[in-house]
Every structure is written in C-alpha cells, then in structure tokens.
C-alpha cells in the first residue's frame, strides 16, 4: 500500500520556521507531487506561541511542550530550527532515539556535536539533513556529498557570512571605518543587535567545520580551528591592500596539504642503483597529508573569483582533483533562502521514506580518515601583509628586514607611505611564503624596537601560489 502522508513536527517557530510553514502551505500540491506523499505539519513547538508571525496557523498546532512532538509516534520527521545548542542537541538525540529523522539549519550544534549526532543517527537508522546550516539556499552540502563524490577535494575557500562581507564591502567601496559600516549593516537588517558571532568569525567557523567534516571524512574539533574576526580591521589596510592588487575578505579556509597517498607498487618496483636513487628522491617528496582549517581576514588577488563577491552575498570555492575549481554563489541567509534548503532536504528525505529505504540514509557520513593530522596554525605556510608604524628616520627598514631575514621571511614588495602623524609613518610589506610561527616570533621582536610605535598589523594572503 502506497504511503499517503508524512507527519512532520516543527521545533522553532521564528523567522525561518515561519518561512518553512509558508512553503508547506503555499506549495502543498507541488510538494506532494515531488515527494509522492503529502507532508503534513502535525505540531509546532516554540517557547513563544503568542507572538504574531507573518503566517497563519491553526492554534491547535501550537505547543510549548517539546514532548508533544518527540513522544508522538506518528511524527516521522522533526524539523529543528531553534537556534539553540544544548537544547537542540538534547531534542535531536531524543528524536533520533525514537526513530525520527532530523532536518536542521543549526550549524552550531552540528559543528560542536558532529560525531555523536551521526553515531546516534546510524544506531537508530535515521538521517540528519542540514543543507540550510551552510549557505542557506546555496546547495553546497549536496554538491560536496553527491556532485563531487568522485573527487578528492583539496581546498575549500568560503565567504560564509553575509554580515562581515557586507561590512568589508562598504569599508572598501565607501572608505568608511568599521564602526560606520557595522552601523549601516544594522540599519539594513544585515547585522544582529549583538553581532559578535558574525564579526568574531565564529559563525563562519561553524560552517567551515561542517564542510571540512564532509569533504575530508575527518572529524574536525572546534578547538583545532584558528578563528580571527574583522573587528580590528582598519580601513587604511584595505586601501593599502588594494594598492598591492588585493581585496580583503573574511575567509573560511579548509585545505588538505602534504602529498596524499604513498608510492605505488609500480613506482617501488625495479632494480639497480639508478632506480634506488630515483626511489629515494620520490620518497623525500612524499609528505604525510594534513588538514588545516582556519577563519580570518584574508587578502585575495582582485582577479580571484571570490574577490567579486560583495555585500551580503556568500560564495564557496571548491577544488576537486577531477573538476578543478568550482564556485557556488548566492544569498547565504534570509527566510526564503533558508526555507528553500530546509524544504529541499524534506523532499529528498520524503522520497526515501516513500521508497521504503529511509533507513539507509543514516550512513551519509562516516569518519574515513581518523589518523590524518590537523595542522596547527603555527605550522601553516602563507604569504603575509604587514604594516609597521615606525619613526621616520634612516635605517628603519634595514632593522626590520634584518629580523625578518633571520626568521626566513623574504620580502616580496614594500611601500613606505608619506602619511606622517607625529613623526610616525606606515611601512607596508608583502612577504613571500613563510611559516606562521616564524612570522609571529619575528613580529614580537620587531614590536619591541624603539623605532616601532604601535603593534604591527598582520593579514594573511591567499593567492594560489602557496605550496602544499
């Protein structure tokens, strides 16, 4: 007998929740045609059921009790849109233990509890669907999980937060400072009353952890991710970066570095001194693969595809060994965009339920590479933008260059600006590739010099030339 109805429970009736309800109402016939069964919203739970929403629902659907959904055996799918962490984790674990599938937009609870949640899903033969957690309506989860399944993904660069991208765009285009740009973002509704999760880089961090888990088959712990926000960015550094040909973005970065794999049997086969010499040379070039995951302000060349992503838009740049680079672009937040992703997951899941093989989808994530090392930020290799505030006197550049040289840091470009304040001038440099810990140690010595009058500004640079 064909399944006619799939009962849903919605937990979290905020802006995105209301958007999901509207789509379920307005597109009911289309959804039934695409799924092969009618999705029925049986219950909506929220701590506040008295406030008006921009969608009308029958009062009997509303409850403040989570267990009205979690303990209902007829509800097969829980749509979790609470925006909480601890409560969301508990309700998701309980729902899955009751055999219910999860559709969620909750990036924080996923990033913090990834392994436990997916282990519980597997144990109970249910699925977790989370397209809306990264990029909202940009289908990056589906692309990595399915579209790029045949690829070895080596790199992901993401502009994953609309608030910070809007702020940096306004600072660059209008030559305004950070506070002015943040105030403008608030007025336009692109920034929360407390924007610390966004401007501090933590929102982007949760998202890149999810993408890294999925792309690399390795559980990334939040403590292993270096995070730096944009709240200390000075407009003059954006301007100086432009003179070097760069655009500033808050970039979420995930890379696999080193030389993946080992020498093949065919490469090892052979005899003689010449072969042994060649084999030794190849073995020296094989370095263990490592994964680095970080979020920080980053200068990108103006010609890079991500440099043209402006205002509140998001984009994800992914490099696969078969596809080469691809870019996904769109609005990474908002009621309609997030609702699109939630409903898309619901359609996919609904088809599996109708087909009677929903139990198979619990295996959508497995940790395949437990032994691979997560690289510490201190060991990362990058190019660097450095701005020194120094006394305007002869020999300054020589003293700075001497310390950099002793730490194996080579200067690629240098500009000494004529902007003078109280006999202090900025000296701006771009370095060649260097190791982070060497750069940090060199700057700690430079900043102690009497000729240096302020803490040196450091911004990392990604331009495609950084080696593995």
Protein backbone atom coordinates (compact mmCIF):
# COMPACT_ATOMS: atom_id res chain seq x y z
CA UNK A 1 0.00 0.00 0.00
CA UNK A 2 1.40 3.40 -1.01
CA UNK A 3 2.22 5.87 1.74
CA UNK A 4 -0.13 8.85 1.62
CA UNK A 5 1.06 11.10 4.46
CA UNK A 6 4.36 12.02 6.14
CA UNK A 7 3.78 13.68 9.52
CA UNK A 8 6.15 16.49 10.49
CA UNK A 9 6.96 18.23 13.76
CA UNK A 10 8.49 21.71 13.69
CA UNK A 11 10.53 22.87 16.68
CA UNK A 12 11.41 26.56 16.46
CA UNK A 13 8.82 28.97 15.07
CA UNK A 14 10.99 32.01 14.40
CA UNK A 15 11.57 33.74 11.09
CA UNK A 16 12.93 30.67 9.27
CA UNK A 17 10.34 28.40 10.88
CA UNK A 18 7.57 30.70 9.70
CA UNK A 19 9.07 30.65 6.22
CA UNK A 20 9.07 26.85 6.18
CA UNK A 21 5.41 26.79 7.27
CA UNK A 22 4.53 29.20 4.48
CA UNK A 23 6.16 26.99 1.84
CA UNK A 24 4.39 23.92 3.24
CA UNK A 25 1.10 25.80 2.95
CA UNK A 26 1.58 27.57 -0.38
CA UNK A 27 3.29 24.70 -2.22
CA UNK A 28 1.40 21.77 -0.72
CA UNK A 29 0.35 20.28 -4.05
CA UNK A 30 3.80 20.68 -5.63
CA UNK A 31 5.49 19.08 -2.61
CA UNK A 32 3.09 16.13 -2.68
CA UNK A 33 3.84 15.60 -6.38
CA UNK A 34 7.61 15.73 -5.82
CA UNK A 35 7.63 13.51 -2.74
CA UNK A 36 4.89 11.05 -3.66
CA UNK A 37 3.15 11.65 -0.34
CA UNK A 38 1.60 14.63 1.42
CA UNK A 39 3.80 16.27 4.09
CA UNK A 40 1.53 17.21 6.99
CA UNK A 41 2.63 19.59 9.73
CA UNK A 42 1.15 17.93 12.80
CA UNK A 43 2.63 20.09 15.55
CA UNK A 44 4.71 23.28 16.04
CA UNK A 45 6.67 23.77 19.27
CA UNK A 46 8.17 27.06 20.46
CA UNK A 47 8.75 28.81 23.77
CA UNK A 48 6.65 31.71 22.43
CA UNK A 49 3.37 30.76 20.77
CA UNK A 50 1.55 34.05 21.43
CA UNK A 51 3.51 36.47 19.22
CA UNK A 52 2.22 37.20 15.74
CA UNK A 53 4.05 35.66 12.77
CA UNK A 54 3.83 36.51 9.09
CA UNK A 55 1.99 33.23 8.50
CA UNK A 56 -1.31 31.93 9.89
CA UNK A 57 -1.64 28.50 11.52
CA UNK A 58 -4.38 26.73 13.44
CA UNK A 59 -3.98 27.32 17.16
CA UNK A 60 -4.28 23.59 17.91
CA UNK A 61 -0.98 23.02 16.08
CA UNK A 62 0.95 25.17 18.56
CA UNK A 63 2.54 23.92 21.77
CA UNK A 64 5.25 24.91 24.21
CA UNK A 65 5.97 21.27 25.06
CA UNK A 66 8.75 19.58 23.07
CA UNK A 67 7.49 16.16 24.10
CA UNK A 68 4.24 16.76 22.23
CA UNK A 69 6.43 16.21 19.17
CA UNK A 70 9.16 13.92 20.47
CA UNK A 71 6.75 11.41 22.06
CA UNK A 72 4.30 11.32 19.17
CA UNK A 73 4.86 8.02 17.31
CA UNK A 74 3.07 9.31 14.21
CA UNK A 75 5.62 12.09 13.63
CA UNK A 76 8.40 10.75 11.41
CA UNK A 77 10.41 13.92 10.75
CA UNK A 78 11.48 16.62 13.20
CA UNK A 79 12.42 19.97 11.66
CA UNK A 80 14.76 21.61 14.20
CA UNK A 81 15.07 25.39 13.82
CA UNK A 82 15.59 26.54 17.40
CA UNK A 83 18.95 28.29 17.04
CA UNK A 84 19.98 26.85 20.42
CA UNK A 85 22.85 24.46 21.14
CA UNK A 86 22.31 22.42 24.31
CA UNK A 87 18.52 22.19 23.94
CA UNK A 88 18.84 21.40 20.24
CA UNK A 89 21.35 18.64 20.90
CA UNK A 90 19.13 17.01 23.53
CA UNK A 91 15.99 17.12 21.44
CA UNK A 92 17.79 15.83 18.33
CA UNK A 93 19.27 12.89 20.25
CA UNK A 94 15.90 12.03 21.77
CA UNK A 95 14.08 12.37 18.45
CA UNK A 96 16.54 10.03 16.74
CA UNK A 97 16.32 7.53 19.60
CA UNK A 98 12.58 7.46 18.88
CA UNK A 99 13.26 6.68 15.22
CA UNK A 100 12.60 10.16 13.87
CA UNK A 101 14.63 11.77 11.08
CA UNK A 102 16.11 15.26 11.57
CA UNK A 103 16.10 18.25 9.24
CA UNK A 104 18.02 21.18 10.74
CA UNK A 105 19.63 24.52 9.99
CA UNK A 106 21.60 24.50 13.25
CA UNK A 107 25.26 24.94 12.32
CA UNK A 108 26.50 25.38 15.90
CA UNK A 109 25.03 22.16 17.29
CA UNK A 110 26.30 20.21 14.27
CA UNK A 111 29.83 21.61 14.45
CA UNK A 112 30.07 21.03 18.20
CA UNK A 113 28.48 17.56 18.34
CA UNK A 114 29.04 16.12 14.86
CA UNK A 115 30.36 12.65 15.74
CA UNK A 116 27.82 11.98 18.49
CA UNK A 117 24.86 13.07 16.38
CA UNK A 118 25.83 10.97 13.37
CA UNK A 119 26.65 7.95 15.53
CA UNK A 120 23.16 8.20 17.04
CA UNK A 121 21.62 8.51 13.58
CA UNK A 122 23.44 5.40 12.41
CA UNK A 123 22.48 3.42 15.51
CA UNK A 124 18.80 4.23 15.04
CA UNK A 125 18.82 4.01 11.22
CA UNK A 126 17.63 7.56 10.72
CA UNK A 127 19.06 10.51 8.82
CA UNK A 128 20.27 14.02 9.64
CA UNK A 129 19.81 16.61 6.89
CA UNK A 130 21.47 20.01 7.22
CA UNK A 131 21.65 21.81 3.87
CA UNK A 132 20.38 25.02 5.47
CA UNK A 133 23.22 25.05 8.01
CA UNK A 134 25.79 26.36 5.50
CA UNK A 135 24.96 28.94 2.85
CA UNK A 136 21.19 28.62 3.32
CA UNK A 137 19.83 28.17 -0.21
CA UNK A 138 23.28 27.59 -1.76
CA UNK A 139 23.29 23.77 -2.20
CA UNK A 140 26.90 23.27 -1.08
CA UNK A 141 26.19 20.24 1.15
CA UNK A 142 24.56 18.37 -1.72
CA UNK A 143 27.35 19.35 -4.11
CA UNK A 144 30.13 18.06 -1.83
CA UNK A 145 28.25 14.94 -0.69
CA UNK A 146 26.92 13.89 -4.09
CA UNK A 147 28.02 16.05 -7.01
CA UNK A 148 31.73 15.89 -6.09
CA UNK A 149 31.67 12.39 -4.59
CA UNK A 150 34.17 11.12 -7.19
CA UNK A 151 36.65 13.89 -6.37
CA UNK A 152 39.50 14.20 -3.93
CA UNK A 153 38.79 17.69 -2.56
CA UNK A 154 41.97 19.54 -1.72
CA UNK A 155 40.73 23.03 -0.92
CA UNK A 156 37.66 24.97 0.18
CA UNK A 157 37.60 28.76 0.44
CA UNK A 158 34.35 30.23 1.72
CA UNK A 159 32.82 33.65 2.17
CA UNK A 160 30.26 32.22 4.56
CA UNK A 161 28.90 35.20 6.47
CA UNK A 162 26.84 37.93 4.87
CA UNK A 163 27.21 40.40 7.74
CA UNK A 164 31.00 40.53 7.59
CA UNK A 165 31.10 40.54 3.80
CA UNK A 166 28.68 43.49 3.75
CA UNK A 167 30.81 45.39 6.28
CA UNK A 168 34.08 44.80 4.40
CA UNK A 169 32.42 45.74 1.09
CA UNK A 170 31.20 49.07 2.49
CA UNK A 171 34.59 49.79 4.08
CA UNK A 172 36.29 49.17 0.74
CA UNK A 173 33.84 50.99 -1.52
CA UNK A 174 32.89 53.94 0.70
CA UNK A 175 36.24 54.34 2.53
CA UNK A 176 34.46 54.27 5.90
CA UNK A 177 35.64 52.75 9.17
CA UNK A 178 34.47 49.52 10.78
CA UNK A 179 32.00 51.09 13.23
CA UNK A 180 30.31 53.12 10.48
CA UNK A 181 29.97 50.04 8.27
CA UNK A 182 28.60 47.96 11.15
CA UNK A 183 26.02 50.62 11.95
CA UNK A 184 24.94 50.65 8.31
CA UNK A 185 24.65 46.84 8.33
CA UNK A 186 22.40 47.02 11.40
CA UNK A 187 20.13 49.61 9.80
CA UNK A 188 19.72 47.43 6.71
CA UNK A 189 18.98 44.33 8.78
CA UNK A 190 22.20 42.51 7.85
CA UNK A 191 23.60 42.54 11.41
CA UNK A 192 22.12 41.22 14.65
CA UNK A 193 21.77 43.52 17.70
CA UNK A 194 24.71 41.53 19.11
CA UNK A 195 26.84 40.76 16.04
CA UNK A 196 29.74 39.14 17.94
CA UNK A 197 29.24 35.65 16.48
CA UNK A 198 29.39 37.12 12.99
CA UNK A 199 32.15 39.71 13.24
CA UNK A 200 34.20 37.46 15.54
CA UNK A 201 34.33 34.78 12.83
CA UNK A 202 32.54 32.11 14.88
CA UNK A 203 29.57 31.77 12.54
CA UNK A 204 31.96 31.12 9.65
CA UNK A 205 33.95 28.72 11.83
CA UNK A 206 30.92 26.52 12.50
CA UNK A 207 30.18 26.39 8.78
CA UNK A 208 33.70 25.53 7.62
CA UNK A 209 33.89 22.77 10.25
CA UNK A 210 30.77 21.20 8.72
CA UNK A 211 32.16 21.47 5.18
CA UNK A 212 35.52 20.07 6.28
CA UNK A 213 33.94 17.09 8.04
CA UNK A 214 32.02 16.33 4.89
CA UNK A 215 34.79 16.96 2.35
CA UNK A 216 37.70 15.29 4.12
CA UNK A 217 35.97 12.47 6.01
CA UNK A 218 37.67 13.60 9.20
CA UNK A 219 36.01 14.93 12.35
CA UNK A 220 37.30 18.45 12.92
CA UNK A 221 37.23 19.63 16.53
CA UNK A 222 36.35 23.28 17.09
CA UNK A 223 39.40 23.69 19.34
CA UNK A 224 41.62 22.87 16.34
CA UNK A 225 40.27 25.76 14.23
CA UNK A 226 42.05 29.13 14.34
CA UNK A 227 39.49 31.96 14.37
CA UNK A 228 40.07 35.69 13.94
CA UNK A 229 37.33 38.22 13.24
CA UNK A 230 37.16 41.56 11.45
CA UNK A 231 36.54 43.89 14.40
CA UNK A 232 40.14 45.18 14.37
CA UNK A 233 40.33 45.83 10.63
CA UNK A 234 41.39 49.38 9.76
CA UNK A 235 40.13 50.96 6.56
CA UNK A 236 43.66 52.05 5.67
CA UNK A 237 44.79 48.41 5.45
CA UNK A 238 42.03 47.68 2.96
CA UNK A 239 43.24 50.69 0.97
CA UNK A 240 46.90 49.67 1.10
CA UNK A 241 45.98 46.12 0.13
CA UNK A 242 44.22 47.48 -2.95
CA UNK A 243 47.47 49.18 -3.97
CA UNK A 244 49.12 45.75 -3.98
CA UNK A 245 46.21 44.39 -6.07
CA UNK A 246 44.28 42.61 -3.32
CA UNK A 247 40.75 42.58 -1.90
CA UNK A 248 40.00 41.80 1.76
CA UNK A 249 37.53 39.07 2.76
CA UNK A 250 36.72 37.17 5.94
CA UNK A 251 37.72 33.81 4.51
CA UNK A 252 36.95 30.36 5.88
CA UNK A 253 39.74 28.07 4.68
CA UNK A 254 39.99 24.28 4.63
CA UNK A 255 42.93 22.61 2.90
CA UNK A 256 44.50 19.23 2.63
CA UNK A 257 48.24 19.81 2.45
CA UNK A 258 51.18 17.47 2.05
CA UNK A 259 51.32 14.67 -0.50
CA UNK A 260 48.32 12.37 -0.08
CA UNK A 261 48.84 8.66 -0.51
CA UNK A 262 52.06 6.62 -0.74
CA UNK A 263 54.27 5.40 -3.56
CA UNK A 264 52.59 2.74 -5.67
CA UNK A 265 53.85 -0.81 -6.15
CA UNK A 266 54.81 0.08 -9.74
CA UNK A 267 56.85 3.06 -8.52
CA UNK A 268 58.68 0.87 -6.00
CA UNK A 269 59.34 -1.96 -8.48
CA UNK A 270 62.70 -2.06 -10.23
CA UNK A 271 66.35 -2.79 -9.65
CA UNK A 272 69.72 -1.11 -9.80
CA UNK A 273 71.45 1.93 -8.33
CA UNK A 274 69.70 4.38 -10.67
CA UNK A 275 66.27 3.12 -9.60
CA UNK A 276 67.20 3.26 -5.91
CA UNK A 277 68.35 6.86 -6.34
CA UNK A 278 65.10 7.80 -8.10
CA UNK A 279 63.04 5.99 -5.45
CA UNK A 280 64.85 7.81 -2.66
CA UNK A 281 64.14 11.13 -4.38
CA UNK A 282 60.43 10.32 -4.70
CA UNK A 283 60.18 9.21 -1.06
CA UNK A 284 61.73 12.50 0.10
CA UNK A 285 58.95 14.37 -1.71
CA UNK A 286 56.14 12.35 -0.11
CA UNK A 287 54.91 14.24 2.93
CA UNK A 288 52.11 13.00 5.21
CA UNK A 289 48.78 14.58 4.39
CA UNK A 290 47.48 17.13 6.90
CA UNK A 291 44.30 19.17 7.14
CA UNK A 292 44.27 22.83 8.06
CA UNK A 293 41.06 24.66 8.93
CA UNK A 294 41.03 28.36 9.80
CA UNK A 295 38.94 31.54 9.63
CA UNK A 296 40.48 35.01 9.42
CA UNK A 297 40.63 38.21 7.34
CA UNK A 298 42.45 37.34 4.13
CA UNK A 299 43.75 39.28 1.17
CA UNK A 300 42.82 37.69 -2.17
CA UNK A 301 44.02 38.86 -5.60
CA UNK A 302 41.43 41.13 -7.21
CA UNK A 303 41.18 38.72 -10.13
CA UNK A 304 40.22 35.81 -7.84
CA UNK A 305 36.60 34.74 -8.29
CA UNK A 306 35.79 35.35 -4.62
CA UNK A 307 37.04 38.95 -4.75
CA UNK A 308 33.98 39.93 -6.77
CA UNK A 309 31.56 38.60 -4.11
CA UNK A 310 30.15 41.72 -2.48
CA UNK A 311 27.67 42.95 0.12
CA UNK A 312 25.59 40.25 1.85
CA UNK A 313 26.26 37.52 -0.70
CA UNK A 314 28.11 34.28 0.08
CA UNK A 315 30.29 32.08 -2.12
CA UNK A 316 32.17 28.81 -1.78
CA UNK A 317 35.22 27.97 -3.92
CA UNK A 318 35.97 24.23 -4.04
CA UNK A 319 38.88 22.49 -5.77
CA UNK A 320 38.45 18.84 -6.77
CA UNK A 321 41.08 16.72 -8.50
CA UNK A 322 38.68 15.88 -11.34
CA UNK A 323 36.61 19.05 -11.64
CA UNK A 324 39.25 21.64 -10.84
CA UNK A 325 37.87 24.77 -9.16
CA UNK A 326 34.12 25.39 -8.97
CA UNK A 327 32.24 28.26 -7.32
CA UNK A 328 28.80 28.31 -5.69
CA UNK A 329 27.27 31.75 -5.16
CA UNK A 330 24.09 33.19 -3.68
CA UNK A 331 22.37 34.64 -0.65
CA UNK A 332 23.69 32.82 2.39
CA UNK A 333 20.96 33.87 4.79
CA UNK A 334 17.38 35.05 4.94
CA UNK A 335 13.99 33.50 5.45
CA UNK A 336 13.30 32.49 1.86
CA UNK A 337 16.79 31.18 1.14
CA UNK A 338 16.95 29.09 4.33
CA UNK A 339 13.41 27.80 3.77
CA UNK A 340 14.43 26.62 0.31
CA UNK A 341 17.20 24.48 1.80
CA UNK A 342 15.00 23.03 4.57
CA UNK A 343 12.25 22.09 2.13
CA UNK A 344 14.81 20.65 -0.30
CA UNK A 345 16.05 18.32 2.44
CA UNK A 346 12.47 17.42 3.28
CA UNK A 347 11.75 16.46 -0.33
CA UNK A 348 14.85 14.24 -0.53
CA UNK A 349 14.02 12.58 2.79
CA UNK A 350 10.35 12.23 1.91
CA UNK A 351 11.19 10.34 -1.27
CA UNK A 352 13.35 7.93 0.74
CA UNK A 353 10.54 7.36 3.23
CA UNK A 354 8.05 6.72 0.42
CA UNK A 355 10.50 4.33 -1.23
CA UNK A 356 10.85 2.36 1.99
CA UNK A 357 14.65 2.81 2.17
CA UNK A 358 14.93 5.71 4.62
CA UNK A 359 16.95 3.51 6.99
CA UNK A 360 19.85 3.50 4.51
CA UNK A 361 20.46 7.23 4.71
CA UNK A 362 21.98 7.14 8.21
CA UNK A 363 25.32 6.36 6.54
CA UNK A 364 25.60 9.74 4.82
CA UNK A 365 28.71 10.49 6.88
CA UNK A 366 31.44 8.18 8.12
CA UNK A 367 34.86 9.11 9.50
CA UNK A 368 37.17 7.59 6.91
CA UNK A 369 40.49 9.15 7.90
CA UNK A 370 40.88 9.04 11.67
CA UNK A 371 44.68 9.05 11.53
CA UNK A 372 45.18 12.21 9.49
CA UNK A 373 46.70 15.12 11.42
CA UNK A 374 45.10 18.54 11.91
CA UNK A 375 47.72 21.22 11.27
CA UNK A 376 48.21 23.85 13.97
CA UNK A 377 48.05 27.48 12.85
CA UNK A 378 51.68 27.87 13.99
CA UNK A 379 52.78 25.46 11.26
CA UNK A 380 50.73 26.96 8.44
CA UNK A 381 52.61 28.41 5.46
CA UNK A 382 51.25 31.60 3.93
CA UNK A 383 52.14 34.95 2.48
CA UNK A 384 51.64 37.96 4.74
CA UNK A 385 50.67 41.62 4.57
CA UNK A 386 52.47 43.56 7.31
CA UNK A 387 52.02 47.21 8.31
CA UNK A 388 54.63 48.68 10.64
CA UNK A 389 54.17 52.04 12.39
CA UNK A 390 57.69 53.40 12.69
CA UNK A 391 59.69 56.54 13.42
CA UNK A 392 60.56 58.42 10.24
CA UNK A 393 64.34 58.06 10.37
CA UNK A 394 67.15 56.43 8.34
CA UNK A 395 67.87 52.74 8.87
CA UNK A 396 64.37 51.72 9.96
CA UNK A 397 63.73 49.40 7.04
CA UNK A 398 67.14 47.76 7.44
CA UNK A 399 66.46 46.90 11.10
CA UNK A 400 63.07 45.37 10.28
CA UNK A 401 64.42 43.49 7.26
CA UNK A 402 67.28 42.08 9.32
CA UNK A 403 64.92 40.49 11.86
CA UNK A 404 62.64 39.15 9.13
CA UNK A 405 65.61 37.66 7.30
CA UNK A 406 66.85 35.87 10.42
CA UNK A 407 63.43 34.16 10.58
CA UNK A 408 63.48 33.05 6.92
CA UNK A 409 60.93 35.68 5.89
CA UNK A 410 61.58 37.17 2.47
CA UNK A 411 60.08 40.50 1.39
CA UNK A 412 58.20 40.50 -1.92
CA UNK A 413 57.08 44.16 -2.02
CA UNK A 414 57.42 47.17 0.24
CA UNK A 415 55.80 50.60 0.25
CA UNK A 416 56.78 53.41 2.61
CA UNK A 417 53.81 55.76 2.78
CA UNK A 418 54.25 59.51 3.14
CA UNK A 419 51.34 59.73 5.60
CA UNK A 420 53.02 61.11 8.72
CA UNK A 421 51.47 61.53 12.19
CA UNK A 422 53.71 62.80 14.99
CA UNK A 423 56.81 61.71 13.06
CA UNK A 424 55.38 58.16 12.69
CA UNK A 425 54.93 56.70 9.21
CA UNK A 426 53.50 53.41 7.95
CA UNK A 427 55.76 50.91 6.21
CA UNK A 428 53.72 48.30 4.35
CA UNK A 429 55.09 44.96 3.14
CA UNK A 430 54.01 41.84 1.30
CA UNK A 431 56.14 38.82 2.13
CA UNK A 432 56.83 35.66 0.22
CA UNK A 433 55.57 32.43 1.72
CA UNK A 434 56.66 31.91 5.33
CA UNK A 435 55.81 29.78 8.35
CA UNK A 436 53.33 31.35 10.78
CA UNK A 437 55.35 30.72 13.94
CA UNK A 438 58.42 32.33 12.36
CA UNK A 439 56.41 35.40 11.40
CA UNK A 440 54.84 35.73 14.84
CA UNK A 441 58.21 35.43 16.58
CA UNK A 442 59.80 37.96 14.25
CA UNK A 443 56.99 40.46 14.87
CA UNK A 444 57.29 40.03 18.63
CA UNK A 445 60.93 41.14 18.32
CA UNK A 446 60.21 43.95 15.86
CA UNK A 447 57.44 45.39 18.03
CA UNK A 448 59.94 45.73 20.90
CA UNK A 449 62.20 48.03 18.86
CA UNK A 450 62.21 51.68 19.94
CA UNK A 451 61.61 52.73 16.35
CA UNK A 452 58.25 50.88 16.30
CA UNK A 453 55.41 52.88 17.85
CA UNK A 454 52.39 50.54 17.52
CA UNK A 455 51.63 46.84 17.26
CA UNK A 456 52.31 45.58 13.75
CA UNK A 457 49.24 44.72 11.68
CA UNK A 458 49.28 41.23 10.12
CA UNK A 459 46.84 39.99 7.48
CA UNK A 460 47.32 36.64 5.77
CA UNK A 461 47.33 36.37 1.98
CA UNK A 462 45.99 33.57 -0.23
CA UNK A 463 46.79 33.81 -3.92
CA UNK A 464 47.07 30.25 -5.18
CA UNK A 465 50.87 30.19 -5.05
CA UNK A 466 51.11 28.80 -1.52
CA UNK A 467 52.73 25.41 -1.70
CA UNK A 468 51.41 22.20 -0.21
